[in-house]
Amino acid sequence: MEQYVEQYVRARLVTDSPDAARSVAVVLRWTGGLVHVTLPDAGEWTFARELLERGLRAPATGGDVRIWPCGRVQAVMEFHAHHGATVVQFDVKALIRFLRRTYTAVAPVPAAH
């Protein structure tokens, strides 16, 4: 049986224009170790859960996704595609709650040494 966690969160779409910045509904989904982030009008990005964990503590990059902390209560995700980049700012609490739910669904497997 595949484990599945889905959470809807509000995030702030960051743009060059202060007038264009807006709050958006984002879907966070976890399936079998992968995080899926779906943004309205911008598509879906998939990356390893470990990238999200690392990005909440320090800047982290995986493929077309960059994540970094922004102060104590915010985190930024930057998604790159052929048409440009999309930058979204999240409340860290929402991302931590999502991660906790994924670990409740399935305990992490310890790394082999």
PDB file of N, CA and C in Angstrom:
ATOM      1  N   MET A   1       0.842  -1.187   0.000  1.00  0.00           N
ATOM      2  CA  MET A   1       0.000   0.000   0.000  1.00  0.00           C
ATOM      3  C   MET A   1       0.885   1.248   0.000  1.00  0.00           C
ATOM      4  N   GLU A   2       0.652   2.133  -0.939  1.00  0.00           N
ATOM      5  CA  GLU A   2       1.424   3.365  -1.024  1.00  0.00           C
ATOM      6  C   GLU A   2       0.925   4.369   0.008  1.00  0.00           C
ATOM      7  N   GLN A   3       1.866   5.000   0.710  1.00  0.00           N
ATOM      8  CA  GLN A   3       1.519   6.022   1.689  1.00  0.00           C
ATOM      9  C   GLN A   3       1.303   7.347   0.962  1.00  0.00           C
ATOM     10  N   TYR A   4       0.385   8.142   1.510  1.00  0.00           N
ATOM     11  CA  TYR A   4      -0.014   9.367   0.832  1.00  0.00           C
ATOM     12  C   TYR A   4      -0.388  10.414   1.868  1.00  0.00           C
ATOM     13  N   VAL A   5       0.144  11.616   1.718  1.00  0.00           N
ATOM     14  CA  VAL A   5      -0.214  12.737   2.583  1.00  0.00           C
ATOM     15  C   VAL A   5      -0.460  13.935   1.675  1.00  0.00           C
ATOM     16  N   GLU A   6      -1.539  14.672   1.942  1.00  0.00           N
ATOM     17  CA  GLU A   6      -1.835  15.872   1.166  1.00  0.00           C
ATOM     18  C   GLU A   6      -2.212  16.990   2.127  1.00  0.00           C
ATOM     19  N   GLN A   7      -1.700  18.169   1.838  1.00  0.00           N
ATOM     20  CA  GLN A   7      -1.989  19.324   2.696  1.00  0.00           C
ATOM     21  C   GLN A   7      -2.087  20.565   1.817  1.00  0.00           C
ATOM     22  N   TYR A   8      -3.108  21.360   2.072  1.00  0.00           N
ATOM     23  CA  TYR A   8      -3.286  22.621   1.371  1.00  0.00           C
ATOM     24  C   TYR A   8      -2.747  23.729   2.262  1.00  0.00           C
ATOM     25  N   VAL A   9      -1.958  24.631   1.681  1.00  0.00           N
ATOM     26  CA  VAL A   9      -1.395  25.743   2.447  1.00  0.00           C
ATOM     27  C   VAL A   9      -1.516  27.025   1.629  1.00  0.00           C
ATOM     28  N   ARG A  10      -1.491  28.136   2.324  1.00  0.00           N
ATOM     29  CA  ARG A  10      -1.427  29.439   1.667  1.00  0.00           C
ATOM     30  C   ARG A  10       0.032  29.837   1.609  1.00  0.00           C
ATOM     31  N   ALA A  11       0.424  30.421   0.524  1.00  0.00           N
ATOM     32  CA  ALA A  11       1.796  30.887   0.354  1.00  0.00           C
ATOM     33  C   ALA A  11       1.745  32.208  -0.399  1.00  0.00           C
ATOM     34  N   ARG A  12       2.862  32.881  -0.423  1.00  0.00           N
ATOM     35  CA  ARG A  12       2.937  34.182  -1.096  1.00  0.00           C
ATOM     36  C   ARG A  12       3.786  34.035  -2.346  1.00  0.00           C
ATOM     37  N   LEU A  13       3.179  34.308  -3.477  1.00  0.00           N
ATOM     38  CA  LEU A  13       3.892  34.299  -4.746  1.00  0.00           C
ATOM     39  C   LEU A  13       4.719  35.574  -4.814  1.00  0.00           C
ATOM     40  N   VAL A  14       6.021  35.447  -4.977  1.00  0.00           N
ATOM     41  CA  VAL A  14       6.933  36.585  -4.977  1.00  0.00           C
ATOM     42  C   VAL A  14       7.239  36.963  -6.425  1.00  0.00           C
ATOM     43  N   THR A  15       7.120  38.249  -6.732  1.00  0.00           N
ATOM     44  CA  THR A  15       7.415  38.745  -8.077  1.00  0.00           C
ATOM     45  C   THR A  15       8.288  39.989  -7.991  1.00  0.00           C
ATOM     46  N   ASP A  16       8.719  40.475  -9.131  1.00  0.00           N
ATOM     47  CA  ASP A  16       9.512  41.703  -9.182  1.00  0.00           C
ATOM     48  C   ASP A  16       8.687  42.931  -8.806  1.00  0.00           C
ATOM     49  N   SER A  17       7.388  42.843  -9.014  1.00  0.00           N
ATOM     50  CA  SER A  17       6.511  43.977  -8.746  1.00  0.00           C
ATOM     51  C   SER A  17       5.788  43.774  -7.410  1.00  0.00           C
ATOM     52  N   PRO A  18       5.938  44.713  -6.473  1.00  0.00           N
ATOM     53  CA  PRO A  18       5.245  44.579  -5.185  1.00  0.00           C
ATOM     54  C   PRO A  18       3.730  44.511  -5.344  1.00  0.00           C
ATOM     55  N   ASP A  19       3.209  45.140  -6.384  1.00  0.00           N
ATOM     56  CA  ASP A  19       1.765  45.129  -6.614  1.00  0.00           C
ATOM     57  C   ASP A  19       1.272  43.770  -7.095  1.00  0.00           C
ATOM     58  N   ALA A  20       2.151  42.966  -7.686  1.00  0.00           N
ATOM     59  CA  ALA A  20       1.745  41.675  -8.243  1.00  0.00           C
ATOM     60  C   ALA A  20       1.874  40.532  -7.238  1.00  0.00           C
ATOM     61  N   ALA A  21       2.601  40.733  -6.143  1.00  0.00           N
ATOM     62  CA  ALA A  21       2.733  39.682  -5.135  1.00  0.00           C
ATOM     63  C   ALA A  21       1.354  39.363  -4.574  1.00  0.00           C
ATOM     64  N   ARG A  22       1.065  38.060  -4.441  1.00  0.00           N
ATOM     65  CA  ARG A  22      -0.261  37.688  -3.951  1.00  0.00           C
ATOM     66  C   ARG A  22      -0.216  36.362  -3.218  1.00  0.00           C
ATOM     67  N   SER A  23      -1.230  36.145  -2.419  1.00  0.00           N
ATOM     68  CA  SER A  23      -1.379  34.896  -1.701  1.00  0.00           C
ATOM     69  C   SER A  23      -1.993  33.863  -2.649  1.00  0.00           C
ATOM     70  N   VAL A  24      -1.462  32.646  -2.624  1.00  0.00           N
ATOM     71  CA  VAL A  24      -1.971  31.579  -3.487  1.00  0.00           C
ATOM     72  C   VAL A  24      -2.185  30.316  -2.659  1.00  0.00           C
ATOM     73  N   ALA A  25      -3.088  29.470  -3.134  1.00  0.00           N
ATOM     74  CA  ALA A  25      -3.310  28.160  -2.524  1.00  0.00           C
ATOM     75  C   ALA A  25      -2.338  27.177  -3.164  1.00  0.00           C
ATOM     76  N   VAL A  26      -1.586  26.474  -2.333  1.00  0.00           N
ATOM     77  CA  VAL A  26      -0.592  25.515  -2.809  1.00  0.00           C
ATOM     78  C   VAL A  26      -0.964  24.145  -2.254  1.00  0.00           C
ATOM     79  N   VAL A  27      -0.817  23.123  -3.086  1.00  0.00           N
ATOM     80  CA  VAL A  27      -1.052  21.756  -2.637  1.00  0.00           C
ATOM     81  C   VAL A  27       0.302  21.095  -2.418  1.00  0.00           C
ATOM     82  N   LEU A  28       0.523  20.611  -1.188  1.00  0.00           N
ATOM     83  CA  LEU A  28       1.707  19.819  -0.868  1.00  0.00           C
ATOM     84  C   LEU A  28       1.248  18.370  -0.782  1.00  0.00           C
ATOM     85  N   ARG A  29       1.927  17.492  -1.505  1.00  0.00           N
ATOM     86  CA  ARG A  29       1.564  16.086  -1.489  1.00  0.00           C
ATOM     87  C   ARG A  29       2.827  15.264  -1.326  1.00  0.00           C
ATOM     88  N   TRP A  30       2.748  14.194  -0.589  1.00  0.00           N
ATOM     89  CA  TRP A  30       3.877  13.292  -0.404  1.00  0.00           C
ATOM     90  C   TRP A  30       3.424  11.900  -0.779  1.00  0.00           C
ATOM     91  N   THR A  31       4.193  11.259  -1.661  1.00  0.00           N
ATOM     92  CA  THR A  31       3.912   9.890  -2.062  1.00  0.00           C
ATOM     93  C   THR A  31       5.226   9.132  -2.102  1.00  0.00           C
ATOM     94  N   GLY A  32       5.379   8.192  -1.205  1.00  0.00           N
ATOM     95  CA  GLY A  32       6.528   7.293  -1.245  1.00  0.00           C
ATOM     96  C   GLY A  32       7.883   7.962  -1.262  1.00  0.00           C
ATOM     97  N   GLY A  33       8.071   8.994  -0.467  1.00  0.00           N
ATOM     98  CA  GLY A  33       9.370   9.648  -0.374  1.00  0.00           C
ATOM     99  C   GLY A  33       9.517  10.898  -1.207  1.00  0.00           C
ATOM    100  N   LEU A  34       8.591  11.149  -2.115  1.00  0.00           N
ATOM    101  CA  LEU A  34       8.671  12.329  -2.969  1.00  0.00           C
ATOM    102  C   LEU A  34       7.643  13.368  -2.565  1.00  0.00           C
ATOM    103  N   VAL A  35       8.074  14.615  -2.563  1.00  0.00           N
ATOM    104  CA  VAL A  35       7.188  15.745  -2.302  1.00  0.00           C
ATOM    105  C   VAL A  35       6.765  16.317  -3.652  1.00  0.00           C
ATOM    106  N   HIS A  36       5.473  16.581  -3.785  1.00  0.00           N
ATOM    107  CA  HIS A  36       4.916  17.223  -4.978  1.00  0.00           C
ATOM    108  C   HIS A  36       4.345  18.562  -4.537  1.00  0.00           C
ATOM    109  N   VAL A  37       4.771  19.630  -5.175  1.00  0.00           N
ATOM    110  CA  VAL A  37       4.253  20.966  -4.877  1.00  0.00           C
ATOM    111  C   VAL A  37       3.514  21.443  -6.120  1.00  0.00           C
ATOM    112  N   THR A  38       2.210  21.685  -5.974  1.00  0.00           N
ATOM    113  CA  THR A  38       1.393  22.134  -7.098  1.00  0.00           C
ATOM    114  C   THR A  38       0.989  23.582  -6.864  1.00  0.00           C
ATOM    115  N   LEU A  39       1.362  24.419  -7.827  1.00  0.00           N
ATOM    116  CA  LEU A  39       1.072  25.855  -7.758  1.00  0.00           C
ATOM    117  C   LEU A  39       0.033  26.220  -8.808  1.00  0.00           C
ATOM    118  N   PRO A  40      -0.911  27.092  -8.465  1.00  0.00           N
ATOM    119  CA  PRO A  40      -1.899  27.500  -9.465  1.00  0.00           C
ATOM    120  C   PRO A  40      -1.221  28.228 -10.624  1.00  0.00           C
ATOM    121  N   ASP A  41      -1.569  27.847 -11.815  1.00  0.00           N
ATOM    122  CA  ASP A  41      -1.055  28.471 -13.043  1.00  0.00           C
ATOM    123  C   ASP A  41       0.449  28.326 -13.242  1.00  0.00           C
ATOM    124  N   ALA A  42       1.122  27.469 -12.458  1.00  0.00           N
ATOM    125  CA  ALA A  42       2.570  27.338 -12.615  1.00  0.00           C
ATOM    126  C   ALA A  42       3.025  25.881 -12.652  1.00  0.00           C
ATOM    127  N   GLY A  43       2.125  24.932 -12.486  1.00  0.00           N
ATOM    128  CA  GLY A  43       2.488  23.531 -12.617  1.00  0.00           C
ATOM    129  C   GLY A  43       2.842  22.844 -11.315  1.00  0.00           C
ATOM    130  N   GLU A  44       3.487  21.692 -11.476  1.00  0.00           N
ATOM    131  CA  GLU A  44       3.855  20.863 -10.327  1.00  0.00           C
ATOM    132  C   GLU A  44       5.339  20.528 -10.389  1.00  0.00           C
ATOM    133  N   TRP A  45       5.975  20.564  -9.229  1.00  0.00           N
ATOM    134  CA  TRP A  45       7.373  20.168  -9.100  1.00  0.00           C
ATOM    135  C   TRP A  45       7.449  19.011  -8.119  1.00  0.00           C
ATOM    136  N   THR A  46       8.353  18.083  -8.396  1.00  0.00           N
ATOM    137  CA  THR A  46       8.532  16.905  -7.552  1.00  0.00           C
ATOM    138  C   THR A  46       9.987  16.823  -7.144  1.00  0.00           C
ATOM    139  N   PHE A  47      10.207  16.546  -5.854  1.00  0.00           N
ATOM    140  CA  PHE A  47      11.573  16.426  -5.351  1.00  0.00           C
ATOM    141  C   PHE A  47      11.573  15.563  -4.096  1.00  0.00           C
ATOM    142  N   ALA A  48      12.749  15.147  -3.685  1.00  0.00           N
ATOM    143  CA  ALA A  48      12.887  14.291  -2.509  1.00  0.00           C
ATOM    144  C   ALA A  48      12.516  15.039  -1.231  1.00  0.00           C
ATOM    145  N   ARG A  49      11.908  14.338  -0.311  1.00  0.00           N
ATOM    146  CA  ARG A  49      11.530  14.929   0.977  1.00  0.00           C
ATOM    147  C   ARG A  49      12.752  15.500   1.691  1.00  0.00           C
ATOM    148  N   GLU A  50      13.895  14.860   1.536  1.00  0.00           N
ATOM    149  CA  GLU A  50      15.120  15.313   2.195  1.00  0.00           C
ATOM    150  C   GLU A  50      15.524  16.712   1.741  1.00  0.00           C
ATOM    151  N   LEU A  51      15.211  17.080   0.507  1.00  0.00           N
ATOM    152  CA  LEU A  51      15.519  18.433   0.029  1.00  0.00           C
ATOM    153  C   LEU A  51      14.727  19.463   0.839  1.00  0.00           C
ATOM    154  N   LEU A  52      13.465  19.184   1.089  1.00  0.00           N
ATOM    155  CA  LEU A  52      12.653  20.095   1.894  1.00  0.00           C
ATOM    156  C   LEU A  52      13.208  20.186   3.311  1.00  0.00           C
ATOM    157  N   GLU A  53      13.575  19.065   3.901  1.00  0.00           N
ATOM    158  CA  GLU A  53      14.141  19.069   5.255  1.00  0.00           C
ATOM    159  C   GLU A  53      15.406  19.923   5.322  1.00  0.00           C
ATOM    160  N   ARG A  54      16.316  19.717   4.370  1.00  0.00           N
ATOM    161  CA  ARG A  54      17.577  20.484   4.354  1.00  0.00           C
ATOM    162  C   ARG A  54      17.323  21.962   4.116  1.00  0.00           C
ATOM    163  N   GLY A  55      16.394  22.264   3.205  1.00  0.00           N
ATOM    164  CA  GLY A  55      16.112  23.646   2.844  1.00  0.00           C
ATOM    165  C   GLY A  55      15.495  24.477   3.958  1.00  0.00           C
ATOM    166  N   LEU A  56      14.920  23.828   4.951  1.00  0.00           N
ATOM    167  CA  LEU A  56      14.372  24.575   6.085  1.00  0.00           C
ATOM    168  C   LEU A  56      15.469  25.013   7.044  1.00  0.00           C
ATOM    169  N   ARG A  57      16.657  24.393   6.948  1.00  0.00           N
ATOM    170  CA  ARG A  57      17.783  24.727   7.832  1.00  0.00           C
ATOM    171  C   ARG A  57      18.848  25.590   7.151  1.00  0.00           C
ATOM    172  N   ALA A  58      19.052  25.353   5.847  1.00  0.00           N
ATOM    173  CA  ALA A  58      20.100  26.055   5.098  1.00  0.00           C
ATOM    174  C   ALA A  58      19.740  25.968   3.619  1.00  0.00           C
ATOM    175  N   PRO A  59      20.298  26.829   2.778  1.00  0.00           N
ATOM    176  CA  PRO A  59      20.005  26.752   1.352  1.00  0.00           C
ATOM    177  C   PRO A  59      20.315  25.364   0.789  1.00  0.00           C
ATOM    178  N   ALA A  60      19.364  24.845  -0.002  1.00  0.00           N
ATOM    179  CA  ALA A  60      19.518  23.511  -0.593  1.00  0.00           C
ATOM    180  C   ALA A  60      18.988  23.541  -2.021  1.00  0.00           C
ATOM    181  N   THR A  61      19.641  22.788  -2.899  1.00  0.00           N
ATOM    182  CA  THR A  61      19.246  22.740  -4.307  1.00  0.00           C
ATOM    183  C   THR A  61      19.147  21.292  -4.748  1.00  0.00           C
ATOM    184  N   GLY A  62      18.109  21.011  -5.508  1.00  0.00           N
ATOM    185  CA  GLY A  62      17.939  19.696  -6.109  1.00  0.00           C
ATOM    186  C   GLY A  62      17.284  19.859  -7.465  1.00  0.00           C
ATOM    187  N   GLY A  63      18.065  19.686  -8.531  1.00  0.00           N
ATOM    188  CA  GLY A  63      17.512  19.850  -9.875  1.00  0.00           C
ATOM    189  C   GLY A  63      17.020  21.264 -10.100  1.00  0.00           C
ATOM    190  N   ASP A  64      15.741  21.392 -10.436  1.00  0.00           N
ATOM    191  CA  ASP A  64      15.132  22.687 -10.754  1.00  0.00           C
ATOM    192  C   ASP A  64      14.516  23.373  -9.540  1.00  0.00           C
ATOM    193  N   VAL A  65      14.788  22.844  -8.332  1.00  0.00           N
ATOM    194  CA  VAL A  65      14.175  23.382  -7.108  1.00  0.00           C
ATOM    195  C   VAL A  65      15.256  23.869  -6.155  1.00  0.00           C
ATOM    196  N   ARG A  66      15.061  25.061  -5.629  1.00  0.00           N
ATOM    197  CA  ARG A  66      15.932  25.613  -4.581  1.00  0.00           C
ATOM    198  C   ARG A  66      15.053  25.986  -3.403  1.00  0.00           C
ATOM    199  N   ILE A  67      15.529  25.672  -2.188  1.00  0.00           N
ATOM    200  CA  ILE A  67      14.778  25.980  -0.968  1.00  0.00           C
ATOM    201  C   ILE A  67      15.746  26.587   0.034  1.00  0.00           C
ATOM    202  N   TRP A  68      15.302  27.648   0.718  1.00  0.00           N
ATOM    203  CA  TRP A  68      16.147  28.231   1.747  1.00  0.00           C
ATOM    204  C   TRP A  68      15.288  28.909   2.813  1.00  0.00           C
ATOM    205  N   PRO A  69      15.835  28.967   4.054  1.00  0.00           N
ATOM    206  CA  PRO A  69      15.115  29.684   5.111  1.00  0.00           C
ATOM    207  C   PRO A  69      15.173  31.180   4.853  1.00  0.00           C
ATOM    208  N   CYS A  70      14.134  31.874   5.285  1.00  0.00           N
ATOM    209  CA  CYS A  70      14.061  33.328   5.130  1.00  0.00           C
ATOM    210  C   CYS A  70      13.637  33.882   6.482  1.00  0.00           C
ATOM    211  N   GLY A  71      14.621  34.175   7.324  1.00  0.00           N
ATOM    212  CA  GLY A  71      14.314  34.566   8.692  1.00  0.00           C
ATOM    213  C   GLY A  71      13.941  33.336   9.500  1.00  0.00           C
ATOM    214  N   ARG A  72      13.275  33.564  10.614  1.00  0.00           N
ATOM    215  CA  ARG A  72      12.936  32.454  11.517  1.00  0.00           C
ATOM    216  C   ARG A  72      11.593  31.803  11.192  1.00  0.00           C
ATOM    217  N   VAL A  73      10.708  32.501  10.493  1.00  0.00           N
ATOM    218  CA  VAL A  73       9.359  31.972  10.316  1.00  0.00           C
ATOM    219  C   VAL A  73       8.941  31.759   8.861  1.00  0.00           C
ATOM    220  N   GLN A  74       9.825  32.043   7.920  1.00  0.00           N
ATOM    221  CA  GLN A  74       9.502  31.890   6.506  1.00  0.00           C
ATOM    222  C   GLN A  74      10.541  31.006   5.815  1.00  0.00           C
ATOM    223  N   ALA A  75      10.121  30.390   4.729  1.00  0.00           N
ATOM    224  CA  ALA A  75      11.027  29.646   3.855  1.00  0.00           C
ATOM    225  C   ALA A  75      10.633  29.972   2.417  1.00  0.00           C
ATOM    226  N   VAL A  76      11.604  29.940   1.537  1.00  0.00           N
ATOM    227  CA  VAL A  76      11.373  30.273   0.139  1.00  0.00           C
ATOM    228  C   VAL A  76      11.658  29.043  -0.719  1.00  0.00           C
ATOM    229  N   MET A  77      10.788  28.795  -1.691  1.00  0.00           N
ATOM    230  CA  MET A  77      11.014  27.773  -2.707  1.00  0.00           C
ATOM    231  C   MET A  77      11.070  28.469  -4.056  1.00  0.00           C
ATOM    232  N   GLU A  78      12.086  28.123  -4.810  1.00  0.00           N
ATOM    233  CA  GLU A  78      12.265  28.690  -6.140  1.00  0.00           C
ATOM    234  C   GLU A  78      12.234  27.536  -7.131  1.00  0.00           C
ATOM    235  N   PHE A  79      11.320  27.613  -8.089  1.00  0.00           N
ATOM    236  CA  PHE A  79      11.126  26.553  -9.068  1.00  0.00           C
ATOM    237  C   PHE A  79      11.519  27.072 -10.445  1.00  0.00           C
ATOM    238  N   HIS A  80      12.390  26.339 -11.128  1.00  0.00           N
ATOM    239  CA  HIS A  80      12.865  26.760 -12.451  1.00  0.00           C
ATOM    240  C   HIS A  80      12.262  25.889 -13.541  1.00  0.00           C
ATOM    241  N   ALA A  81      11.818  26.536 -14.609  1.00  0.00           N
ATOM    242  CA  ALA A  81      11.297  25.858 -15.789  1.00  0.00           C
ATOM    243  C   ALA A  81      11.842  26.566 -17.021  1.00  0.00           C
ATOM    244  N   HIS A  82      11.587  26.008 -18.185  1.00  0.00           N
ATOM    245  CA  HIS A  82      12.121  26.602 -19.412  1.00  0.00           C
ATOM    246  C   HIS A  82      11.622  28.033 -19.641  1.00  0.00           C
ATOM    247  N   HIS A  83      10.458  28.388 -19.097  1.00  0.00           N
ATOM    248  CA  HIS A  83       9.895  29.725 -19.302  1.00  0.00           C
ATOM    249  C   HIS A  83      10.288  30.722 -18.211  1.00  0.00           C
ATOM    250  N   GLY A  84      11.059  30.290 -17.219  1.00  0.00           N
ATOM    251  CA  GLY A  84      11.482  31.208 -16.161  1.00  0.00           C
ATOM    252  C   GLY A  84      11.397  30.559 -14.795  1.00  0.00           C
ATOM    253  N   ALA A  85      11.418  31.393 -13.765  1.00  0.00           N
ATOM    254  CA  ALA A  85      11.393  30.902 -12.389  1.00  0.00           C
ATOM    255  C   ALA A  85      10.142  31.389 -11.677  1.00  0.00           C
ATOM    256  N   THR A  86       9.679  30.575 -10.754  1.00  0.00           N
ATOM    257  CA  THR A  86       8.573  30.931  -9.876  1.00  0.00           C
ATOM    258  C   THR A  86       9.098  30.879  -8.451  1.00  0.00           C
ATOM    259  N   VAL A  87       8.862  31.940  -7.683  1.00  0.00           N
ATOM    260  CA  VAL A  87       9.357  32.024  -6.310  1.00  0.00           C
ATOM    261  C   VAL A  87       8.159  32.145  -5.375  1.00  0.00           C
ATOM    262  N   VAL A  88       8.147  31.277  -4.352  1.00  0.00           N
ATOM    263  CA  VAL A  88       7.024  31.222  -3.431  1.00  0.00           C
ATOM    264  C   VAL A  88       7.556  31.226  -2.003  1.00  0.00           C
ATOM    265  N   GLN A  89       6.926  32.028  -1.143  1.00  0.00           N
ATOM    266  CA  GLN A  89       7.329  32.123   0.263  1.00  0.00           C
ATOM    267  C   GLN A  89       6.269  31.451   1.127  1.00  0.00           C
ATOM    268  N   PHE A  90       6.723  30.555   2.022  1.00  0.00           N
ATOM    269  CA  PHE A  90       5.846  29.774   2.889  1.00  0.00           C
ATOM    270  C   PHE A  90       6.100  30.104   4.348  1.00  0.00           C
ATOM    271  N   ASP A  91       5.093  29.893   5.186  1.00  0.00           N
ATOM    272  CA  ASP A  91       5.302  29.883   6.630  1.00  0.00           C
ATOM    273  C   ASP A  91       5.972  28.555   6.976  1.00  0.00           C
ATOM    274  N   VAL A  92       7.050  28.613   7.719  1.00  0.00           N
ATOM    275  CA  VAL A  92       7.791  27.404   8.087  1.00  0.00           C
ATOM    276  C   VAL A  92       6.893  26.437   8.852  1.00  0.00           C
ATOM    277  N   LYS A  93       6.005  26.953   9.695  1.00  0.00           N
ATOM    278  CA  LYS A  93       5.121  26.087  10.483  1.00  0.00           C
ATOM    279  C   LYS A  93       4.321  25.143   9.593  1.00  0.00           C
ATOM    280  N   ALA A  94       3.818  25.647   8.481  1.00  0.00           N
ATOM    281  CA  ALA A  94       3.025  24.806   7.571  1.00  0.00           C
ATOM    282  C   ALA A  94       3.885  23.710   6.956  1.00  0.00           C
ATOM    283  N   LEU A  95       5.120  24.038   6.594  1.00  0.00           N
ATOM    284  CA  LEU A  95       6.008  23.041   5.999  1.00  0.00           C
ATOM    285  C   LEU A  95       6.429  21.993   7.027  1.00  0.00           C
ATOM    286  N   ILE A  96       6.688  22.415   8.249  1.00  0.00           N
ATOM    287  CA  ILE A  96       7.057  21.465   9.304  1.00  0.00           C
ATOM    288  C   ILE A  96       5.876  20.544   9.614  1.00  0.00           C
ATOM    289  N   ARG A  97       4.686  21.099   9.677  1.00  0.00           N
ATOM    290  CA  ARG A  97       3.490  20.283   9.919  1.00  0.00           C
ATOM    291  C   ARG A  97       3.336  19.232   8.817  1.00  0.00           C
ATOM    292  N   PHE A  98       3.557  19.634   7.582  1.00  0.00           N
ATOM    293  CA  PHE A  98       3.486  18.711   6.457  1.00  0.00           C
ATOM    294  C   PHE A  98       4.538  17.597   6.606  1.00  0.00           C
ATOM    295  N   LEU A  99       5.782  17.974   6.900  1.00  0.00           N
ATOM    296  CA  LEU A  99       6.834  16.970   7.076  1.00  0.00           C
ATOM    297  C   LEU A  99       6.498  16.001   8.204  1.00  0.00           C
ATOM    298  N   ARG A 100       6.009  16.506   9.302  1.00  0.00           N
ATOM    299  CA  ARG A 100       5.633  15.628  10.427  1.00  0.00           C
ATOM    300  C   ARG A 100       4.569  14.630  10.007  1.00  0.00           C
ATOM    301  N   ARG A 101       3.613  15.088   9.242  1.00  0.00           N
ATOM    302  CA  ARG A 101       2.565  14.171   8.761  1.00  0.00           C
ATOM    303  C   ARG A 101       3.148  13.082   7.878  1.00  0.00           C
ATOM    304  N   THR A 102       4.156  13.412   7.067  1.00  0.00           N
ATOM    305  CA  THR A 102       4.761  12.377   6.208  1.00  0.00           C
ATOM    306  C   THR A 102       5.483  11.340   7.047  1.00  0.00           C
ATOM    307  N   TYR A 103       6.095  11.758   8.136  1.00  0.00           N
ATOM    308  CA  TYR A 103       6.799  10.800   8.985  1.00  0.00           C
ATOM    309  C   TYR A 103       5.839   9.990   9.840  1.00  0.00           C
ATOM    310  N   THR A 104       4.669  10.527  10.114  1.00  0.00           N
ATOM    311  CA  THR A 104       3.660   9.753  10.825  1.00  0.00           C
ATOM    312  C   THR A 104       3.115   8.658   9.913  1.00  0.00           C
ATOM    313  N   ALA A 105       2.998   8.979   8.626  1.00  0.00           N
ATOM    314  CA  ALA A 105       2.497   7.990   7.661  1.00  0.00           C
ATOM    315  C   ALA A 105       3.487   6.842   7.520  1.00  0.00           C
ATOM    316  N   VAL A 106       4.777   7.144   7.471  1.00  0.00           N
ATOM    317  CA  VAL A 106       5.832   6.137   7.352  1.00  0.00           C
ATOM    318  C   VAL A 106       7.059   6.672   8.070  1.00  0.00           C
ATOM    319  N   ALA A 107       7.585   5.897   8.983  1.00  0.00           N
ATOM    320  CA  ALA A 107       8.805   6.302   9.692  1.00  0.00           C
ATOM    321  C   ALA A 107       9.971   6.315   8.725  1.00  0.00           C
ATOM    322  N   PRO A 108      10.901   7.276   8.878  1.00  0.00           N
ATOM    323  CA  PRO A 108      12.054   7.340   7.957  1.00  0.00           C
ATOM    324  C   PRO A 108      12.946   6.118   8.125  1.00  0.00           C
ATOM    325  N   VAL A 109      13.522   5.688   7.036  1.00  0.00           N
ATOM    326  CA  VAL A 109      14.455   4.562   7.061  1.00  0.00           C
ATOM    327  C   VAL A 109      15.833   5.107   7.358  1.00  0.00           C
ATOM    328  N   PRO A 110      16.523   4.575   8.385  1.00  0.00           N
ATOM    329  CA  PRO A 110      17.873   5.077   8.695  1.00  0.00           C
ATOM    330  C   PRO A 110      18.829   4.818   7.532  1.00  0.00           C
ATOM    331  N   ALA A 111      19.725   5.769   7.317  1.00  0.00           N
ATOM    332  CA  ALA A 111      20.709   5.633   6.240  1.00  0.00           C
ATOM    333  C   ALA A 111      21.692   4.510   6.578  1.00  0.00           C
ATOM    334  N   ALA A 112      22.045   3.751   5.559  1.00  0.00           N
ATOM    335  CA  ALA A 112      23.032   2.677   5.747  1.00  0.00           C
ATOM    336  C   ALA A 112      24.417   3.280   5.838  1.00  0.00           C
ATOM    337  N   HIS A 113      25.239   2.746   6.711  1.00  0.00           N
ATOM    338  CA  HIS A 113      26.599   3.269   6.862  1.00  0.00           C
ATOM    339  C   HIS A 113      27.594   2.322   6.264  1.00  0.00           C
TER     340      HIS A 113
END
